């Protein structure tokens, strides 16, 4: 069973955090340099990655900003550790 890697979004900018995630999941071909205004579409791509498919990953549609969604993503992935 593969473990999902999600970087902590605290103290990071959108560009920094999304770039780290793109690097971690390079094989999944996440879009790079997506503007912060389009974070929900990018986050939907993260949710479609196979390692996240069986997790209780939060939908980005329920969050006002990327940072809150990313924090929920960290909590969803780390709850089994």
PDB file of N, CA and C in Angstrom:
ATOM      1  N   UNK A   1       0.838  -1.176   0.000  1.00  0.00           N
ATOM      2  CA  UNK A   1       0.000   0.000   0.000  1.00  0.00           C
ATOM      3  C   UNK A   1       0.884   1.241   0.000  1.00  0.00           C
ATOM      4  N   UNK A   2       0.705   2.095  -0.972  1.00  0.00           N
ATOM      5  CA  UNK A   2       1.486   3.323  -1.068  1.00  0.00           C
ATOM      6  C   UNK A   2       0.939   4.360  -0.091  1.00  0.00           C
ATOM      7  N   UNK A   3       1.851   5.089   0.517  1.00  0.00           N
ATOM      8  CA  UNK A   3       1.447   6.164   1.412  1.00  0.00           C
ATOM      9  C   UNK A   3       1.430   7.474   0.655  1.00  0.00           C
ATOM     10  N   UNK A   4       0.413   8.252   0.890  1.00  0.00           N
ATOM     11  CA  UNK A   4       0.307   9.555   0.252  1.00  0.00           C
ATOM     12  C   UNK A   4       1.236  10.537   0.952  1.00  0.00           C
ATOM     13  N   UNK A   5       1.886  11.364   0.177  1.00  0.00           N
ATOM     14  CA  UNK A   5       2.748  12.415   0.701  1.00  0.00           C
ATOM     15  C   UNK A   5       2.066  13.740   0.436  1.00  0.00           C
ATOM     16  N   UNK A   6       1.808  14.482   1.505  1.00  0.00           N
ATOM     17  CA  UNK A   6       1.210  15.804   1.371  1.00  0.00           C
ATOM     18  C   UNK A   6       2.030  16.757   2.222  1.00  0.00           C
ATOM     19  N   UNK A   7       2.527  17.805   1.603  1.00  0.00           N
ATOM     20  CA  UNK A   7       3.313  18.803   2.318  1.00  0.00           C
ATOM     21  C   UNK A   7       2.404  19.703   3.141  1.00  0.00           C
ATOM     22  N   UNK A   8       2.888  20.094   4.299  1.00  0.00           N
ATOM     23  CA  UNK A   8       2.160  20.999   5.178  1.00  0.00           C
ATOM     24  C   UNK A   8       2.086  22.376   4.509  1.00  0.00           C
ATOM     25  N   UNK A   9       0.883  22.917   4.337  1.00  0.00           N
ATOM     26  CA  UNK A   9       0.753  24.193   3.643  1.00  0.00           C
ATOM     27  C   UNK A   9       1.072  25.422   4.496  1.00  0.00           C
ATOM     28  N   UNK A  10       1.206  25.223   5.797  1.00  0.00           N
ATOM     29  CA  UNK A  10       1.484  26.378   6.651  1.00  0.00           C
ATOM     30  C   UNK A  10       2.808  27.025   6.264  1.00  0.00           C
ATOM     31  N   UNK A  11       2.811  28.329   6.265  1.00  0.00           N
ATOM     32  CA  UNK A  11       3.998  29.136   5.970  1.00  0.00           C
ATOM     33  C   UNK A  11       4.476  28.995   4.521  1.00  0.00           C
ATOM     34  N   UNK A  12       3.623  28.526   3.636  1.00  0.00           N
ATOM     35  CA  UNK A  12       3.989  28.383   2.233  1.00  0.00           C
ATOM     36  C   UNK A  12       3.062  29.233   1.381  1.00  0.00           C
ATOM     37  N   UNK A  13       3.577  29.677   0.270  1.00  0.00           N
ATOM     38  CA  UNK A  13       2.743  30.350  -0.714  1.00  0.00           C
ATOM     39  C   UNK A  13       2.097  29.290  -1.593  1.00  0.00           C
ATOM     40  N   UNK A  14       1.097  29.687  -2.346  1.00  0.00           N
ATOM     41  CA  UNK A  14       0.467  28.768  -3.293  1.00  0.00           C
ATOM     42  C   UNK A  14       1.502  28.211  -4.260  1.00  0.00           C
ATOM     43  N   UNK A  15       2.331  29.087  -4.832  1.00  0.00           N
ATOM     44  CA  UNK A  15       3.324  28.641  -5.819  1.00  0.00           C
ATOM     45  C   UNK A  15       4.288  27.623  -5.225  1.00  0.00           C
ATOM     46  N   UNK A  16       4.728  27.873  -4.006  1.00  0.00           N
ATOM     47  CA  UNK A  16       5.669  26.967  -3.353  1.00  0.00           C
ATOM     48  C   UNK A  16       5.021  25.613  -3.062  1.00  0.00           C
ATOM     49  N   UNK A  17       3.852  25.641  -2.436  1.00  0.00           N
ATOM     50  CA  UNK A  17       3.190  24.397  -2.047  1.00  0.00           C
ATOM     51  C   UNK A  17       2.786  23.571  -3.261  1.00  0.00           C
ATOM     52  N   UNK A  18       2.170  24.201  -4.236  1.00  0.00           N
ATOM     53  CA  UNK A  18       1.732  23.443  -5.415  1.00  0.00           C
ATOM     54  C   UNK A  18       2.923  22.893  -6.195  1.00  0.00           C
ATOM     55  N   UNK A  19       4.033  23.625  -6.210  1.00  0.00           N
ATOM     56  CA  UNK A  19       5.244  23.118  -6.883  1.00  0.00           C
ATOM     57  C   UNK A  19       5.794  21.884  -6.180  1.00  0.00           C
ATOM     58  N   UNK A  20       5.797  21.897  -4.855  1.00  0.00           N
ATOM     59  CA  UNK A  20       6.254  20.724  -4.099  1.00  0.00           C
ATOM     60  C   UNK A  20       5.366  19.517  -4.379  1.00  0.00           C
ATOM     61  N   UNK A  21       4.074  19.746  -4.439  1.00  0.00           N
ATOM     62  CA  UNK A  21       3.146  18.653  -4.727  1.00  0.00           C
ATOM     63  C   UNK A  21       3.339  18.133  -6.148  1.00  0.00           C
ATOM     64  N   UNK A  22       3.571  19.042  -7.086  1.00  0.00           N
ATOM     65  CA  UNK A  22       3.820  18.621  -8.469  1.00  0.00           C
ATOM     66  C   UNK A  22       5.086  17.781  -8.557  1.00  0.00           C
ATOM     67  N   UNK A  23       6.095  18.158  -7.805  1.00  0.00           N
ATOM     68  CA  UNK A  23       7.342  17.392  -7.787  1.00  0.00           C
ATOM     69  C   UNK A  23       7.117  16.010  -7.169  1.00  0.00           C
ATOM     70  N   UNK A  24       6.370  15.968  -6.077  1.00  0.00           N
ATOM     71  CA  UNK A  24       6.122  14.685  -5.394  1.00  0.00           C
ATOM     72  C   UNK A  24       5.321  13.728  -6.268  1.00  0.00           C
ATOM     73  N   UNK A  25       4.469  14.266  -7.099  1.00  0.00           N
ATOM     74  CA  UNK A  25       3.612  13.435  -7.946  1.00  0.00           C
ATOM     75  C   UNK A  25       3.875  13.707  -9.423  1.00  0.00           C
ATOM     76  N   UNK A  26       5.137  13.841  -9.771  1.00  0.00           N
ATOM     77  CA  UNK A  26       5.534  14.155 -11.149  1.00  0.00           C
ATOM     78  C   UNK A  26       4.991  13.131 -12.145  1.00  0.00           C
ATOM     79  N   UNK A  27       4.944  11.894 -11.748  1.00  0.00           N
ATOM     80  CA  UNK A  27       4.441  10.844 -12.634  1.00  0.00           C
ATOM     81  C   UNK A  27       2.963  10.987 -12.956  1.00  0.00           C
ATOM     82  N   UNK A  28       2.259  11.773 -12.176  1.00  0.00           N
ATOM     83  CA  UNK A  28       0.825  11.964 -12.386  1.00  0.00           C
ATOM     84  C   UNK A  28       0.513  13.150 -13.293  1.00  0.00           C
ATOM     85  N   UNK A  29       1.539  13.883 -13.668  1.00  0.00           N
ATOM     86  CA  UNK A  29       1.433  15.009 -14.598  1.00  0.00           C
ATOM     87  C   UNK A  29       0.449  16.080 -14.133  1.00  0.00           C
ATOM     88  N   UNK A  30       0.565  16.463 -12.877  1.00  0.00           N
ATOM     89  CA  UNK A  30      -0.216  17.598 -12.391  1.00  0.00           C
ATOM     90  C   UNK A  30       0.222  18.853 -13.130  1.00  0.00           C
ATOM     91  N   UNK A  31      -0.703  19.730 -13.368  1.00  0.00           N
ATOM     92  CA  UNK A  31      -0.372  20.990 -14.044  1.00  0.00           C
ATOM     93  C   UNK A  31       0.569  21.811 -13.175  1.00  0.00           C
ATOM     94  N   UNK A  32       1.554  22.413 -13.804  1.00  0.00           N
ATOM     95  CA  UNK A  32       2.558  23.219 -13.108  1.00  0.00           C
ATOM     96  C   UNK A  32       2.271  24.695 -13.349  1.00  0.00           C
ATOM     97  N   UNK A  33       2.567  25.513 -12.354  1.00  0.00           N
ATOM     98  CA  UNK A  33       2.395  26.965 -12.447  1.00  0.00           C
ATOM     99  C   UNK A  33       0.948  27.385 -12.678  1.00  0.00           C
ATOM    100  N   UNK A  34       0.036  26.711 -12.025  1.00  0.00           N
ATOM    101  CA  UNK A  34      -1.374  27.073 -12.100  1.00  0.00           C
ATOM    102  C   UNK A  34      -1.583  28.307 -11.231  1.00  0.00           C
ATOM    103  N   UNK A  35      -2.263  29.321 -11.750  1.00  0.00           N
ATOM    104  CA  UNK A  35      -2.507  30.513 -10.920  1.00  0.00           C
ATOM    105  C   UNK A  35      -3.352  30.158  -9.692  1.00  0.00           C
ATOM    106  N   UNK A  36      -3.118  30.878  -8.623  1.00  0.00           N
ATOM    107  CA  UNK A  36      -3.847  30.618  -7.382  1.00  0.00           C
ATOM    108  C   UNK A  36      -5.358  30.729  -7.587  1.00  0.00           C
ATOM    109  N   UNK A  37      -5.776  31.569  -8.494  1.00  0.00           N
ATOM    110  CA  UNK A  37      -7.213  31.735  -8.754  1.00  0.00           C
ATOM    111  C   UNK A  37      -7.858  30.469  -9.320  1.00  0.00           C
ATOM    112  N   UNK A  38      -7.045  29.534  -9.827  1.00  0.00           N
ATOM    113  CA  UNK A  38      -7.549  28.286 -10.399  1.00  0.00           C
ATOM    114  C   UNK A  38      -7.219  27.074  -9.530  1.00  0.00           C
ATOM    115  N   UNK A  39      -7.036  27.310  -8.247  1.00  0.00           N
ATOM    116  CA  UNK A  39      -6.601  26.243  -7.353  1.00  0.00           C
ATOM    117  C   UNK A  39      -7.594  25.094  -7.276  1.00  0.00           C
ATOM    118  N   UNK A  40      -8.892  25.365  -7.390  1.00  0.00           N
ATOM    119  CA  UNK A  40      -9.882  24.279  -7.278  1.00  0.00           C
ATOM    120  C   UNK A  40      -9.748  23.260  -8.406  1.00  0.00           C
ATOM    121  N   UNK A  41      -9.535  23.730  -9.607  1.00  0.00           N
ATOM    122  CA  UNK A  41      -9.365  22.803 -10.743  1.00  0.00           C
ATOM    123  C   UNK A  41      -8.108  21.967 -10.538  1.00  0.00           C
ATOM    124  N   UNK A  42      -7.034  22.598 -10.081  1.00  0.00           N
ATOM    125  CA  UNK A  42      -5.782  21.884  -9.822  1.00  0.00           C
ATOM    126  C   UNK A  42      -5.984  20.857  -8.707  1.00  0.00           C
ATOM    127  N   UNK A  43      -6.691  21.262  -7.649  1.00  0.00           N
ATOM    128  CA  UNK A  43      -6.941  20.366  -6.517  1.00  0.00           C
ATOM    129  C   UNK A  43      -7.765  19.153  -6.941  1.00  0.00           C
ATOM    130  N   UNK A  44      -8.655  19.333  -7.879  1.00  0.00           N
ATOM    131  CA  UNK A  44      -9.427  18.190  -8.391  1.00  0.00           C
ATOM    132  C   UNK A  44      -8.503  17.180  -9.054  1.00  0.00           C
ATOM    133  N   UNK A  45      -7.443  17.665  -9.683  1.00  0.00           N
ATOM    134  CA  UNK A  45      -6.443  16.776 -10.257  1.00  0.00           C
ATOM    135  C   UNK A  45      -5.697  15.997  -9.192  1.00  0.00           C
ATOM    136  N   UNK A  46      -5.404  16.646  -8.086  1.00  0.00           N
ATOM    137  CA  UNK A  46      -4.753  15.957  -6.965  1.00  0.00           C
ATOM    138  C   UNK A  46      -5.673  14.857  -6.445  1.00  0.00           C
ATOM    139  N   UNK A  47      -6.944  15.172  -6.298  1.00  0.00           N
ATOM    140  CA  UNK A  47      -7.898  14.185  -5.788  1.00  0.00           C
ATOM    141  C   UNK A  47      -8.020  12.974  -6.695  1.00  0.00           C
ATOM    142  N   UNK A  48      -7.692  13.125  -7.963  1.00  0.00           N
ATOM    143  CA  UNK A  48      -7.812  12.024  -8.925  1.00  0.00           C
ATOM    144  C   UNK A  48      -6.591  11.099  -8.937  1.00  0.00           C
ATOM    145  N   UNK A  49      -5.544  11.456  -8.219  1.00  0.00           N
ATOM    146  CA  UNK A  49      -4.346  10.612  -8.158  1.00  0.00           C
ATOM    147  C   UNK A  49      -4.684   9.318  -7.424  1.00  0.00           C
ATOM    148  N   UNK A  50      -4.224   8.208  -7.977  1.00  0.00           N
ATOM    149  CA  UNK A  50      -4.614   6.895  -7.462  1.00  0.00           C
ATOM    150  C   UNK A  50      -4.374   6.696  -5.973  1.00  0.00           C
ATOM    151  N   UNK A  51      -3.297   7.205  -5.433  1.00  0.00           N
ATOM    152  CA  UNK A  51      -2.999   6.999  -4.017  1.00  0.00           C
ATOM    153  C   UNK A  51      -4.025   7.714  -3.128  1.00  0.00           C
ATOM    154  N   UNK A  52      -4.706   8.715  -3.663  1.00  0.00           N
ATOM    155  CA  UNK A  52      -5.720   9.438  -2.902  1.00  0.00           C
ATOM    156  C   UNK A  52      -7.137   8.917  -3.143  1.00  0.00           C
ATOM    157  N   UNK A  53      -7.316   8.124  -4.174  1.00  0.00           N
ATOM    158  CA  UNK A  53      -8.660   7.718  -4.587  1.00  0.00           C
ATOM    159  C   UNK A  53      -9.422   6.968  -3.490  1.00  0.00           C
ATOM    160  N   UNK A  54      -8.750   6.173  -2.690  1.00  0.00           N
ATOM    161  CA  UNK A  54      -9.421   5.389  -1.646  1.00  0.00           C
ATOM    162  C   UNK A  54      -9.395   6.064  -0.275  1.00  0.00           C
ATOM    163  N   UNK A  55      -8.915   7.273  -0.237  1.00  0.00           N
ATOM    164  CA  UNK A  55      -8.864   8.028   1.010  1.00  0.00           C
ATOM    165  C   UNK A  55     -10.090   8.940   1.089  1.00  0.00           C
ATOM    166  N   UNK A  56     -10.370   9.426   2.253  1.00  0.00           N
ATOM    167  CA  UNK A  56     -11.471  10.372   2.438  1.00  0.00           C
ATOM    168  C   UNK A  56     -10.952  11.779   2.170  1.00  0.00           C
ATOM    169  N   UNK A  57     -10.592  12.019   0.934  1.00  0.00           N
ATOM    170  CA  UNK A  57      -9.989  13.293   0.549  1.00  0.00           C
ATOM    171  C   UNK A  57     -11.090  14.344   0.384  1.00  0.00           C
ATOM    172  N   UNK A  58     -10.883  15.511   0.973  1.00  0.00           N
ATOM    173  CA  UNK A  58     -11.910  16.545   0.887  1.00  0.00           C
ATOM    174  C   UNK A  58     -12.021  17.132  -0.524  1.00  0.00           C
ATOM    175  N   UNK A  59     -13.234  17.435  -0.901  1.00  0.00           N
ATOM    176  CA  UNK A  59     -13.456  18.076  -2.197  1.00  0.00           C
ATOM    177  C   UNK A  59     -13.080  19.549  -2.095  1.00  0.00           C
ATOM    178  N   UNK A  60     -12.361  20.062  -3.061  1.00  0.00           N
ATOM    179  CA  UNK A  60     -11.992  21.482  -3.017  1.00  0.00           C
ATOM    180  C   UNK A  60     -13.203  22.410  -3.135  1.00  0.00           C
ATOM    181  N   UNK A  61     -14.306  21.890  -3.635  1.00  0.00           N
ATOM    182  CA  UNK A  61     -15.497  22.715  -3.833  1.00  0.00           C
ATOM    183  C   UNK A  61     -16.092  23.226  -2.517  1.00  0.00           C
ATOM    184  N   UNK A  62     -15.743  22.580  -1.407  1.00  0.00           N
ATOM    185  CA  UNK A  62     -16.294  22.967  -0.118  1.00  0.00           C
ATOM    186  C   UNK A  62     -15.429  23.985   0.636  1.00  0.00           C
ATOM    187  N   UNK A  63     -14.367  24.442   0.025  1.00  0.00           N
ATOM    188  CA  UNK A  63     -13.427  25.326   0.714  1.00  0.00           C
ATOM    189  C   UNK A  63     -13.317  26.675   0.004  1.00  0.00           C
ATOM    190  N   UNK A  64     -13.166  27.705   0.809  1.00  0.00           N
ATOM    191  CA  UNK A  64     -13.055  29.074   0.284  1.00  0.00           C
ATOM    192  C   UNK A  64     -11.670  29.365  -0.279  1.00  0.00           C
ATOM    193  N   UNK A  65     -10.643  28.697   0.276  1.00  0.00           N
ATOM    194  CA  UNK A  65      -9.283  28.970  -0.198  1.00  0.00           C
ATOM    195  C   UNK A  65      -8.460  27.687  -0.187  1.00  0.00           C
ATOM    196  N   UNK A  66      -7.384  27.732  -0.924  1.00  0.00           N
ATOM    197  CA  UNK A  66      -6.543  26.542  -1.103  1.00  0.00           C
ATOM    198  C   UNK A  66      -5.900  26.101   0.200  1.00  0.00           C
ATOM    199  N   UNK A  67      -5.543  27.050   1.049  1.00  0.00           N
ATOM    200  CA  UNK A  67      -4.834  26.708   2.284  1.00  0.00           C
ATOM    201  C   UNK A  67      -5.706  25.869   3.219  1.00  0.00           C
ATOM    202  N   UNK A  68      -6.978  26.222   3.340  1.00  0.00           N
ATOM    203  CA  UNK A  68      -7.888  25.440   4.178  1.00  0.00           C
ATOM    204  C   UNK A  68      -8.085  24.042   3.598  1.00  0.00           C
ATOM    205  N   UNK A  69      -8.227  23.970   2.265  1.00  0.00           N
ATOM    206  CA  UNK A  69      -8.370  22.656   1.629  1.00  0.00           C
ATOM    207  C   UNK A  69      -7.108  21.819   1.841  1.00  0.00           C
ATOM    208  N   UNK A  70      -5.938  22.430   1.666  1.00  0.00           N
ATOM    209  CA  UNK A  70      -4.676  21.701   1.821  1.00  0.00           C
ATOM    210  C   UNK A  70      -4.508  21.197   3.259  1.00  0.00           C
ATOM    211  N   UNK A  71      -4.904  22.006   4.229  1.00  0.00           N
ATOM    212  CA  UNK A  71      -4.824  21.572   5.626  1.00  0.00           C
ATOM    213  C   UNK A  71      -5.761  20.392   5.869  1.00  0.00           C
ATOM    214  N   UNK A  72      -6.951  20.420   5.265  1.00  0.00           N
ATOM    215  CA  UNK A  72      -7.886  19.299   5.383  1.00  0.00           C
ATOM    216  C   UNK A  72      -7.324  18.060   4.701  1.00  0.00           C
ATOM    217  N   UNK A  73      -6.630  18.257   3.589  1.00  0.00           N
ATOM    218  CA  UNK A  73      -5.988  17.150   2.878  1.00  0.00           C
ATOM    219  C   UNK A  73      -4.913  16.503   3.755  1.00  0.00           C
ATOM    220  N   UNK A  74      -4.093  17.318   4.390  1.00  0.00           N
ATOM    221  CA  UNK A  74      -3.070  16.805   5.311  1.00  0.00           C
ATOM    222  C   UNK A  74      -3.730  15.994   6.421  1.00  0.00           C
ATOM    223  N   UNK A  75      -4.792  16.527   7.001  1.00  0.00           N
ATOM    224  CA  UNK A  75      -5.475  15.817   8.094  1.00  0.00           C
ATOM    225  C   UNK A  75      -6.090  14.511   7.627  1.00  0.00           C
ATOM    226  N   UNK A  76      -6.637  14.490   6.431  1.00  0.00           N
ATOM    227  CA  UNK A  76      -7.254  13.275   5.894  1.00  0.00           C
ATOM    228  C   UNK A  76      -6.219  12.178   5.673  1.00  0.00           C
ATOM    229  N   UNK A  77      -5.068  12.569   5.181  1.00  0.00           N
ATOM    230  CA  UNK A  77      -4.003  11.599   4.888  1.00  0.00           C
ATOM    231  C   UNK A  77      -3.321  11.131   6.165  1.00  0.00           C
ATOM    232  N   UNK A  78      -3.131  12.031   7.108  1.00  0.00           N
ATOM    233  CA  UNK A  78      -2.381  11.709   8.321  1.00  0.00           C
ATOM    234  C   UNK A  78      -3.204  11.032   9.404  1.00  0.00           C
ATOM    235  N   UNK A  79      -4.502  10.931   9.257  1.00  0.00           N
ATOM    236  CA  UNK A  79      -5.308  10.340  10.319  1.00  0.00           C
ATOM    237  C   UNK A  79      -5.036   8.864  10.529  1.00  0.00           C
ATOM    238  N   UNK A  80      -4.474   8.185   9.533  1.00  0.00           N
ATOM    239  CA  UNK A  80      -4.197   6.754   9.664  1.00  0.00           C
ATOM    240  C   UNK A  80      -2.808   6.463  10.214  1.00  0.00           C
ATOM    241  N   UNK A  81      -2.013   7.487  10.371  1.00  0.00           N
ATOM    242  CA  UNK A  81      -0.637   7.283  10.827  1.00  0.00           C
ATOM    243  C   UNK A  81      -0.606   7.096  12.317  1.00  0.00           C
TER     244      UNK A  81
END
